[in-house]
Amino acid sequence: MAGNGQSSAPEGGSALIPRPDGGSEISFVHFAPQPPFDTRLIFWESRDTESAAAFRLLRQRLIERGDPRIVLCTSATPGEGKTTLATNLALAFAELGKHRVLPIETSFRNAAVGEVFGFKPPAGFAKQLAQHRLRPGDPWVVVQIANSPLYIMAAEPRCCQKCAAVLAEDAKFCGLCGTEASLDGAPAIDAVAFASAVRKFRESFHYLVLDAPPVLTGGDVNLIQDSADAIVFATRKGMSAGSTLRRAIEQVAPAPVAAVVMIEK
């Protein structure tokens, strides 16, 4: 877990404020992470390393090849580093200091982005997406990281229905209270509502980085890939197989695959 014990929603000095242009469509919750940071945040842990430089190079290559504003980050199978890819690519875009950047977590069954940055979402993306299907005029709530151009739309973590402990994706029972785990509350993404949300976010953010589910574990990526301008695959050194990557690329075809990234840690 990232942060110095800050695993809950931003509290205390955090507050909802209107976006700078005076509109009511998006409200921001400020959150200032404190070290030690999650090791997956390469830009915060080791920004002068070769790994950080590799993400800067990926950012530059994307900008040179069409500058896609919506980048979908995924992998063939779980555990290959797609969240590491998405969060650090977002940090690389934000490092430029020119534009607002919004990572959006669409992997509802294995939410990790809030954990990576060290907070519990004040309003998870899955719940907000469902609410906006019924009440499209409600404001969206996103987390702004300190005073940077980086904003986070994280999904709510999978939790025990009895004691609210965070559960692993494959957990059958809660390790804290022993209650049988359920996938209730972790639905497949609503493609229509998601496309509408992306259109709204494009008005306020220059880059959207989608942390999507693995391709071969279901059809969620296929439901949202049309909203993306480019797809980037994460692979894990010593783990990923070329055959599964080829199958995943075939499954998202003819969507444009801009890059395949090897994650070492």
Protein backbone atom coordinates (compact mmCIF):
# COMPACT_ATOMS: atom_id res chain seq x y z
CA MET A 1 0.00 0.00 0.00
CA ALA A 2 1.33 3.42 -0.90
CA GLY A 3 1.57 6.35 1.44
CA ASN A 4 2.38 6.58 5.14
CA GLY A 5 -0.78 4.86 6.31
CA GLN A 6 -3.04 7.00 4.14
CA SER A 7 -5.29 4.32 2.72
CA SER A 8 -8.60 6.07 3.23
CA ALA A 9 -10.39 8.70 1.23
CA PRO A 10 -8.95 12.22 1.34
CA GLU A 11 -10.19 13.90 4.49
CA GLY A 12 -9.41 16.88 6.70
CA GLY A 13 -8.17 19.62 4.40
CA SER A 14 -9.55 17.97 1.28
CA ALA A 15 -12.64 19.53 -0.21
CA LEU A 16 -14.79 19.48 -3.29
CA ILE A 17 -14.23 22.57 -5.39
CA PRO A 18 -15.67 23.64 -8.75
CA ARG A 19 -13.47 23.24 -11.79
CA PRO A 20 -11.67 26.48 -12.77
CA ASP A 21 -13.97 27.39 -15.68
CA GLY A 22 -16.91 27.63 -13.29
CA GLY A 23 -18.78 24.64 -14.69
CA SER A 24 -20.58 22.12 -12.53
CA GLU A 25 -19.82 18.95 -14.48
CA ILE A 26 -16.69 17.96 -12.53
CA SER A 27 -15.72 18.40 -8.89
CA PHE A 28 -12.20 17.86 -7.59
CA VAL A 29 -10.99 16.32 -4.33
CA HIS A 30 -7.40 17.28 -3.56
CA PHE A 31 -5.05 14.61 -2.22
CA ALA A 32 -1.36 15.03 -1.42
CA PRO A 33 0.45 11.67 -1.32
CA GLN A 34 3.28 11.27 1.16
CA PRO A 35 6.31 8.94 0.96
CA PRO A 36 7.04 6.09 1.02
CA PHE A 37 5.32 5.64 -2.32
CA ASP A 38 4.11 2.42 -3.91
CA THR A 39 6.99 0.85 -5.82
CA ARG A 40 4.80 0.66 -8.94
CA LEU A 41 4.97 4.45 -9.18
CA ILE A 42 8.33 4.46 -10.91
CA PHE A 43 8.24 8.22 -11.53
CA TRP A 44 7.94 8.92 -7.82
CA GLU A 45 10.21 6.15 -6.55
CA SER A 46 13.04 6.38 -9.06
CA ARG A 47 12.43 9.11 -11.63
CA ASP A 48 16.07 9.22 -12.81
CA THR A 49 16.33 5.51 -13.64
CA GLU A 50 16.28 3.74 -17.00
CA SER A 51 12.72 2.56 -16.26
CA ALA A 52 11.47 6.13 -15.90
CA ALA A 53 13.35 7.11 -19.05
CA ALA A 54 11.62 4.28 -20.90
CA PHE A 55 8.21 5.72 -20.02
CA ARG A 56 9.33 9.13 -21.22
CA LEU A 57 10.42 7.53 -24.49
CA LEU A 58 7.03 5.80 -24.80
CA ARG A 59 5.32 9.15 -24.21
CA GLN A 60 7.43 10.79 -26.90
CA ARG A 61 6.83 7.99 -29.41
CA LEU A 62 3.08 8.26 -28.89
CA ILE A 63 3.18 12.03 -29.36
CA GLU A 64 5.23 11.66 -32.53
CA ARG A 65 2.88 9.04 -33.96
CA GLY A 66 -0.39 10.90 -33.96
CA ASP A 67 -0.46 12.10 -30.33
CA PRO A 68 -3.42 9.91 -29.26
CA ARG A 69 -5.45 11.65 -26.57
CA ILE A 70 -7.08 8.47 -25.25
CA VAL A 71 -4.66 5.62 -24.62
CA LEU A 72 -5.97 2.24 -23.46
CA CYS A 73 -3.47 0.24 -21.40
CA THR A 74 -4.08 -3.47 -21.09
CA SER A 75 -2.37 -6.88 -21.11
CA ALA A 76 -3.14 -10.34 -22.40
CA THR A 77 -3.52 -11.92 -18.94
CA PRO A 78 -3.53 -10.73 -15.30
CA GLY A 79 -0.32 -9.89 -13.50
CA GLU A 80 1.58 -8.50 -16.47
CA GLY A 81 1.84 -4.91 -15.24
CA LYS A 82 -0.98 -3.04 -16.99
CA THR A 83 -1.63 -0.81 -13.95
CA THR A 84 2.08 -0.02 -13.66
CA LEU A 85 1.99 0.88 -17.35
CA ALA A 86 -1.13 3.06 -17.10
CA THR A 87 -0.13 4.97 -13.96
CA ASN A 88 3.41 5.71 -15.13
CA LEU A 89 2.35 6.69 -18.63
CA ALA A 90 -0.11 9.12 -17.02
CA LEU A 91 2.69 10.48 -14.81
CA ALA A 92 4.89 10.86 -17.89
CA PHE A 93 2.23 12.93 -19.66
CA ALA A 94 1.65 15.01 -16.51
CA GLU A 95 5.39 15.64 -16.20
CA LEU A 96 5.20 17.82 -19.31
CA GLY A 97 3.18 20.31 -17.27
CA LYS A 98 1.17 21.44 -20.30
CA HIS A 99 -2.11 19.55 -20.03
CA ARG A 100 -4.46 17.94 -17.58
CA VAL A 101 -4.11 14.16 -17.49
CA LEU A 102 -6.80 11.76 -16.23
CA PRO A 103 -6.11 8.06 -15.69
CA ILE A 104 -9.43 6.18 -15.60
CA GLU A 105 -9.66 2.76 -13.97
CA THR A 106 -12.03 0.50 -15.90
CA SER A 107 -10.90 -2.78 -14.32
CA PHE A 108 -13.76 -3.04 -11.85
CA ARG A 109 -13.09 -6.62 -10.72
CA ASN A 110 -9.52 -5.96 -9.62
CA ALA A 111 -9.32 -2.26 -8.73
CA ALA A 112 -5.81 -1.15 -7.78
CA VAL A 113 -5.28 2.47 -8.87
CA GLY A 114 -6.47 4.00 -5.58
CA GLU A 115 -4.19 1.62 -3.68
CA VAL A 116 -1.23 2.53 -5.91
CA PHE A 117 -1.64 6.25 -5.20
CA GLY A 118 -2.49 5.72 -1.54
CA PHE A 119 -6.17 6.64 -1.21
CA LYS A 120 -9.61 5.10 -1.20
CA PRO A 121 -11.75 6.73 -3.91
CA PRO A 122 -14.24 9.20 -2.42
CA ALA A 123 -16.57 8.11 -5.25
CA GLY A 124 -15.62 5.04 -7.28
CA PHE A 125 -15.90 5.05 -11.05
CA ALA A 126 -18.21 2.01 -11.26
CA LYS A 127 -20.77 3.61 -8.96
CA GLN A 128 -20.50 7.01 -10.64
CA LEU A 129 -20.95 5.43 -14.06
CA ALA A 130 -24.17 3.74 -12.91
CA GLN A 131 -25.43 6.97 -11.32
CA HIS A 132 -24.80 8.99 -14.48
CA ARG A 133 -26.80 6.53 -16.53
CA LEU A 134 -29.79 7.55 -14.41
CA ARG A 135 -28.82 11.16 -13.61
CA PRO A 136 -26.54 12.46 -16.38
CA GLY A 137 -26.52 15.96 -14.89
CA ASP A 138 -24.77 14.92 -11.66
CA PRO A 139 -21.19 16.21 -11.26
CA TRP A 140 -18.32 13.76 -11.69
CA VAL A 141 -15.93 13.50 -8.75
CA VAL A 142 -12.22 13.06 -9.49
CA VAL A 143 -9.13 13.23 -7.29
CA GLN A 144 -6.46 15.82 -8.06
CA ILE A 145 -2.97 14.83 -6.96
CA ALA A 146 -1.71 17.82 -4.95
CA ASN A 147 -1.65 20.86 -7.27
CA SER A 148 -0.33 18.93 -10.26
CA PRO A 149 -2.05 18.43 -13.64
CA LEU A 150 -2.61 14.77 -12.69
CA TYR A 151 -6.15 13.72 -11.79
CA ILE A 152 -7.37 10.23 -10.87
CA MET A 153 -10.65 8.45 -11.57
CA ALA A 154 -10.24 5.21 -9.63
CA ALA A 155 -12.68 2.34 -9.29
CA GLU A 156 -13.82 1.24 -5.87
CA PRO A 157 -11.87 -1.77 -4.52
CA ARG A 158 -13.60 -5.12 -4.15
CA CYS A 159 -14.64 -5.28 -0.51
CA CYS A 160 -16.18 -7.74 1.91
CA GLN A 161 -19.91 -7.10 2.22
CA LYS A 162 -19.78 -7.70 5.98
CA CYS A 163 -16.64 -5.95 7.27
CA ALA A 164 -15.60 -3.85 4.22
CA ALA A 165 -12.08 -5.34 4.12
CA VAL A 166 -10.45 -5.10 0.67
CA LEU A 167 -10.45 -8.48 -1.10
CA ALA A 168 -8.06 -9.91 -3.66
CA GLU A 169 -9.51 -10.56 -7.12
CA ASP A 170 -9.52 -14.36 -6.67
CA ALA A 171 -10.52 -14.41 -2.97
CA LYS A 172 -13.31 -16.84 -2.09
CA PHE A 173 -13.51 -15.81 1.56
CA CYS A 174 -12.67 -12.65 3.48
CA GLY A 175 -9.36 -13.12 5.28
CA LEU A 176 -10.48 -10.79 8.09
CA CYS A 177 -13.94 -12.08 9.03
CA GLY A 178 -14.29 -15.30 7.02
CA THR A 179 -17.40 -14.21 5.09
CA GLU A 180 -17.84 -15.85 1.69
CA ALA A 181 -16.72 -13.45 -1.01
CA SER A 182 -18.96 -12.37 -3.86
CA LEU A 183 -18.43 -10.54 -7.12
CA ASP A 184 -21.54 -8.47 -6.48
CA GLY A 185 -20.75 -4.81 -6.99
CA ALA A 186 -18.13 -5.55 -9.67
CA PRO A 187 -20.21 -5.54 -12.87
CA ALA A 188 -19.09 -5.54 -16.46
CA ILE A 189 -18.60 -2.00 -17.69
CA ASP A 190 -21.55 -0.24 -19.35
CA ALA A 191 -20.21 0.57 -22.82
CA VAL A 192 -22.81 3.24 -23.63
CA ALA A 193 -22.41 5.07 -20.32
CA PHE A 194 -18.63 4.79 -20.59
CA ALA A 195 -18.53 6.31 -24.09
CA SER A 196 -20.67 9.21 -22.85
CA ALA A 197 -18.34 9.75 -19.87
CA VAL A 198 -15.27 9.78 -22.12
CA ARG A 199 -16.85 12.45 -24.33
CA LYS A 200 -17.42 14.59 -21.23
CA PHE A 201 -13.90 14.06 -19.86
CA ARG A 202 -12.33 15.03 -23.18
CA GLU A 203 -13.75 18.52 -22.66
CA SER A 204 -11.74 19.01 -19.46
CA PHE A 205 -8.67 16.77 -19.84
CA HIS A 206 -6.18 16.59 -22.68
CA TYR A 207 -4.98 13.02 -22.09
CA LEU A 208 -7.09 10.12 -20.84
CA VAL A 209 -5.20 6.95 -19.89
CA LEU A 210 -7.47 3.94 -19.46
CA ASP A 211 -6.35 1.19 -17.09
CA ALA A 212 -8.37 -1.62 -18.69
CA PRO A 213 -8.86 -5.28 -17.72
CA PRO A 214 -6.72 -8.00 -19.32
CA VAL A 215 -8.00 -8.90 -22.79
CA LEU A 216 -8.20 -12.68 -22.46
CA THR A 217 -10.10 -12.78 -19.15
CA GLY A 218 -13.35 -11.50 -20.66
CA GLY A 219 -14.89 -9.08 -23.10
CA ASP A 220 -14.69 -5.82 -21.14
CA VAL A 221 -11.86 -4.40 -23.26
CA ASN A 222 -13.88 -5.00 -26.42
CA LEU A 223 -16.74 -3.01 -24.90
CA ILE A 224 -14.63 0.12 -24.42
CA GLN A 225 -11.86 -0.07 -27.03
CA ASP A 226 -13.77 2.01 -29.58
CA SER A 227 -13.39 5.01 -27.27
CA ALA A 228 -9.59 4.77 -27.42
CA ASP A 229 -7.28 6.35 -29.99
CA ALA A 230 -4.51 3.81 -29.33
CA ILE A 231 -3.89 0.62 -27.35
CA VAL A 232 -0.66 -0.18 -25.48
CA PHE A 233 -0.01 -3.69 -24.15
CA ALA A 234 1.96 -4.48 -21.00
CA THR A 235 4.03 -7.67 -20.86
CA ARG A 236 5.99 -8.99 -17.88
CA LYS A 237 9.61 -9.99 -18.21
CA GLY A 238 9.98 -13.73 -17.67
CA MET A 239 6.20 -14.29 -17.53
CA SER A 240 4.41 -13.24 -20.71
CA ALA A 241 4.08 -15.68 -23.60
CA GLY A 242 4.20 -14.57 -27.21
CA SER A 243 1.29 -16.82 -28.14
CA THR A 244 -1.08 -15.26 -25.58
CA LEU A 245 -0.03 -11.77 -26.64
CA ARG A 246 -0.82 -12.60 -30.27
CA ARG A 247 -4.23 -13.95 -29.26
CA ALA A 248 -4.95 -10.76 -27.31
CA ILE A 249 -3.92 -8.52 -30.20
CA GLU A 250 -6.15 -10.55 -32.52
CA GLN A 251 -9.06 -10.13 -30.09
CA VAL A 252 -8.85 -6.33 -30.15
CA ALA A 253 -8.28 -6.14 -33.93
CA PRO A 254 -8.71 -3.99 -35.95
CA ALA A 255 -8.08 -1.48 -33.15
CA PRO A 256 -4.68 0.25 -33.43
CA VAL A 257 -2.03 -1.27 -31.16
CA ALA A 258 0.55 1.49 -30.73
CA ALA A 259 3.13 -0.31 -28.59
CA VAL A 260 4.01 -3.33 -26.48
CA VAL A 261 5.87 -2.50 -23.26
CA MET A 262 8.02 -4.87 -21.20
CA ILE A 263 7.52 -4.30 -17.47
CA GLU A 264 10.48 -5.50 -15.40
CA LYS A 265 9.18 -5.01 -11.85
